[in-house]
Protein backbone atom coordinates (compact mmCIF):
# COMPACT_ATOMS: atom_id res chain seq x y z
CA LEU A 1 -89.57 7.22 5.38
CA ASN A 2 -87.54 8.66 7.95
CA LEU A 3 -90.10 11.77 8.42
CA LEU A 4 -92.69 9.20 8.60
CA ASN A 5 -91.48 7.15 11.82
CA ASP A 6 -90.28 10.27 13.31
CA ILE A 7 -94.23 11.35 13.06
CA LEU A 8 -95.36 8.57 14.33
CA ASP A 9 -92.97 8.78 17.43
CA LEU A 10 -93.87 11.95 18.09
CA SER A 11 -97.17 11.45 17.72
CA LYS A 12 -97.62 8.58 20.54
CA VAL A 13 -95.74 10.95 22.51
CA GLU A 14 -98.21 13.45 22.31
CA ALA A 15 -100.80 10.66 22.39
CA GLY A 16 -99.41 10.22 26.25
CA SER A 17 -99.11 6.22 24.75
CA VAL A 18 -95.75 5.57 25.35
CA THR A 19 -95.44 3.13 28.59
CA LEU A 20 -92.85 4.19 30.59
CA GLU A 21 -90.90 0.90 32.13
CA PRO A 22 -88.20 2.16 34.31
CA VAL A 23 -85.56 -0.64 35.52
CA THR A 24 -82.30 -1.31 37.19
CA PHE A 25 -79.61 -1.37 34.16
CA GLU A 26 -76.35 -0.65 33.09
CA PRO A 27 -76.42 1.93 30.28
CA ALA A 28 -72.97 0.46 28.77
CA GLN A 29 -75.36 -2.03 27.04
CA VAL A 30 -77.38 0.84 25.54
CA LEU A 31 -74.71 2.90 24.70
CA ARG A 32 -72.23 -0.34 22.91
CA GLU A 33 -75.58 -1.12 20.69
CA THR A 34 -75.64 2.71 19.87
CA GLN A 35 -71.97 2.59 19.10
CA ALA A 36 -72.48 0.04 16.92
CA LEU A 37 -75.34 1.06 15.40
CA PHE A 38 -73.48 4.58 14.33
CA GLY A 39 -69.77 2.95 14.28
CA GLU A 40 -70.15 2.71 10.34
CA ALA A 41 -71.85 6.37 9.62
CA ALA A 42 -69.03 7.64 11.70
CA GLN A 43 -66.23 5.74 9.45
CA ASN A 44 -68.03 6.88 6.34
CA LYS A 45 -67.53 10.79 7.43
CA GLY A 46 -64.04 10.13 8.63
CA LEU A 47 -65.05 10.40 12.14
CA ALA A 48 -64.03 8.99 15.60
CA LEU A 49 -66.57 7.66 17.64
CA ASP A 50 -65.39 7.17 20.78
CA VAL A 51 -67.83 5.79 23.63
CA ASP A 52 -66.73 5.67 27.05
CA PRO A 53 -69.63 3.89 29.18
CA PRO A 54 -69.48 4.59 32.85
CA ALA A 55 -69.13 1.34 35.28
CA VAL A 56 -72.88 2.30 37.20
CA TRP A 57 -76.44 1.51 37.51
CA VAL A 58 -78.75 3.53 36.28
CA ALA A 59 -82.89 3.34 36.80
CA SER A 60 -84.21 4.63 33.80
CA ASP A 61 -86.33 2.68 30.66
CA PRO A 62 -83.37 1.46 28.60
CA PHE A 63 -85.85 1.38 25.33
CA LEU A 64 -86.71 5.30 25.70
CA LEU A 65 -82.70 6.05 26.63
CA GLU A 66 -81.73 4.16 24.04
CA ARG A 67 -83.87 6.32 22.08
CA VAL A 68 -82.87 9.77 23.60
CA LEU A 69 -79.22 8.44 22.95
CA ARG A 70 -79.60 7.66 19.34
CA ASN A 71 -81.20 11.00 18.07
CA LEU A 72 -78.25 12.68 19.94
CA ILE A 73 -75.34 11.03 18.16
CA ASP A 74 -76.73 10.73 15.14
CA ASN A 75 -77.28 14.71 14.94
CA ALA A 76 -74.15 14.78 16.21
CA ILE A 77 -73.01 13.08 13.21
CA LYS A 78 -74.77 14.71 11.05
CA TYR A 79 -73.47 18.06 11.95
CA THR A 80 -70.03 17.38 12.41
CA GLU A 81 -68.09 16.89 9.01
CA ARG A 82 -64.28 16.34 11.22
CA GLY A 83 -63.03 15.58 14.50
CA ARG A 84 -65.01 12.98 16.59
CA VAL A 85 -68.36 12.17 18.71
CA SER A 86 -67.74 11.17 21.97
CA VAL A 87 -70.38 9.69 24.37
CA SER A 88 -69.46 9.63 27.90
CA GLY A 89 -70.40 9.29 31.37
CA THR A 90 -69.53 10.67 34.68
CA CYS A 91 -71.47 10.68 38.27
CA THR A 92 -72.43 13.03 40.79
CA ASP A 93 -73.99 12.83 44.15
CA GLY A 94 -76.04 9.99 42.68
CA LEU A 95 -76.82 10.73 39.64
CA VAL A 96 -75.29 9.94 35.77
CA ARG A 97 -74.51 12.83 33.49
CA LEU A 98 -74.43 10.87 30.01
CA GLU A 99 -72.55 13.16 27.29
CA VAL A 100 -73.23 13.69 23.81
CA ARG A 101 -70.18 15.52 22.41
CA ASP A 102 -69.02 16.51 18.86
CA THR A 103 -66.84 18.86 17.20
CA GLY A 104 -69.59 19.97 14.64
CA VAL A 105 -70.35 23.33 13.21
CA GLY A 106 -72.07 24.13 16.25
CA ILE A 107 -75.33 26.07 17.32
CA PRO A 108 -75.95 30.22 17.41
CA ALA A 109 -76.48 30.80 21.31
CA GLY A 110 -79.71 32.73 19.80
CA GLU A 111 -81.02 29.21 17.85
CA ILE A 112 -80.56 26.92 21.01
CA PRO A 113 -83.75 27.45 22.40
CA ARG A 114 -85.37 26.46 18.78
CA ILE A 115 -83.25 23.74 18.07
CA PHE A 116 -85.92 21.49 20.32
CA ASP A 117 -89.18 23.04 18.16
CA GLU A 118 -91.13 20.58 15.76
CA PHE A 119 -89.53 20.86 12.31
CA HIS A 120 -86.92 23.42 13.26
CA GLN A 121 -83.03 22.87 11.68
CA VAL A 122 -80.37 25.57 12.10
CA GLY A 123 -78.53 25.75 8.88
CA ASN A 124 -81.40 23.76 6.42
CA PRO A 125 -83.39 26.51 5.27
CA GLN A 126 -84.27 24.28 1.98
CA ARG A 127 -85.12 21.71 3.81
CA ASP A 128 -83.00 19.20 2.54
CA ALA A 129 -83.95 15.91 3.14
CA SER A 130 -80.52 14.57 3.75
CA GLY A 131 -80.42 17.25 6.97
CA GLY A 132 -83.00 15.13 8.87
CA THR A 133 -86.49 15.82 9.63
CA GLY A 134 -86.60 18.11 12.28
CA LEU A 135 -88.19 16.42 14.55
CA GLY A 136 -84.86 14.46 16.30
CA LEU A 137 -84.18 16.88 19.33
CA THR A 138 -88.00 17.48 19.40
CA ILE A 139 -88.31 14.01 20.54
CA VAL A 140 -85.18 14.02 22.31
CA ARG A 141 -86.71 17.14 24.67
CA ARG A 142 -90.25 14.91 25.17
CA LEU A 143 -88.84 11.70 25.80
CA CYS A 144 -86.27 13.12 28.61
CA ARG A 145 -89.56 14.93 29.96
CA ILE A 146 -91.50 11.88 30.21
CA LEU A 147 -88.75 9.98 31.60
CA ASP A 148 -87.94 13.11 34.51
CA HIS A 149 -84.07 13.28 33.18
CA PRO A 150 -82.87 16.53 32.81
CA LEU A 151 -81.16 17.77 29.35
CA GLU A 152 -78.66 20.65 29.05
CA VAL A 153 -77.45 22.27 25.56
CA GLU A 154 -74.02 23.50 25.26
CA SER A 155 -72.84 24.99 22.23
CA THR A 156 -70.20 27.07 20.81
CA LEU A 157 -70.77 28.29 17.08
CA GLY A 158 -67.47 26.57 15.22
CA GLY A 159 -66.79 24.55 18.13
CA GLY A 160 -68.68 21.78 18.08
CA SER A 161 -71.98 20.96 20.61
CA SER A 162 -72.44 18.92 23.82
CA PHE A 163 -76.09 17.48 25.16
CA VAL A 164 -76.14 16.13 28.61
CA VAL A 165 -78.97 14.34 29.96
CA THR A 166 -78.52 13.61 33.57
CA ILE A 167 -80.16 9.98 35.44
CA PRO A 168 -80.58 9.08 38.50
CA ARG A 169 -77.76 6.27 39.80
CA ALA A 170 -79.54 3.32 41.29
CA PRO A 171 -77.37 1.04 43.51
CA GLU A 172 -75.53 -2.08 41.63
CA ARG A 173 -77.27 -5.48 41.78
CA PRO A 174 -75.67 -8.35 43.82
CA VAL A 175 -74.34 -10.99 41.82
CA GLN A 176 -76.34 -13.68 42.24
CA PRO A 177 -74.61 -16.53 43.46
CA GLU A 178 -74.18 -19.30 41.15
CA VAL A 179 -76.15 -22.19 41.67
CA ALA A 180 -74.14 -25.77 41.46
CA GLY A 181 -76.21 -28.18 38.82
CA PRO A 182 -76.00 -31.57 39.23
CA CYS A 183 -72.46 -33.32 39.71
CA ALA A 184 -71.68 -35.83 37.43
CA PHE A 185 -69.27 -38.69 38.86
CA THR A 186 -67.50 -41.16 36.73
CA PRO A 187 -66.65 -44.32 38.58
CA PRO A 188 -62.83 -45.12 37.80
């Protein structure tokens, strides 16, 4: 079922039928939702899942950005046997860098360019289904291209990996003044 869903998602991206709907929003909400979604999986493996969202507004498509982050967090949990997975954000020069970092097995330097290839999985030559479908990072890279959000990868074999998605920062939404409702006056 996961393979079928990933193939359907990838085919939508390839066919150009993914509709980009950028809005201004706080990524904290998206990150809290992903934390709730993956908290149990991390806990079941004895991993800490730390989410420290930046208190900023960004301009992006929240649905597609959530899909990117979900795939990155899922991979981080899948390839981390002990330690932690952390998701955090930093702001510099009008950009927000959302980072998914793990203390997992890491990726050999020569394999980093290939991890985005369809069905390529480092360390899973037998195609064990518990290792995923091999399409998650392919989808991540293609969605980041559609979103025009640069994607960076750093990894140390045996020392974990870091995936960073860079998003344009948006001006904070002004707080809307509360409109007073009708006053109820009860005579004494």
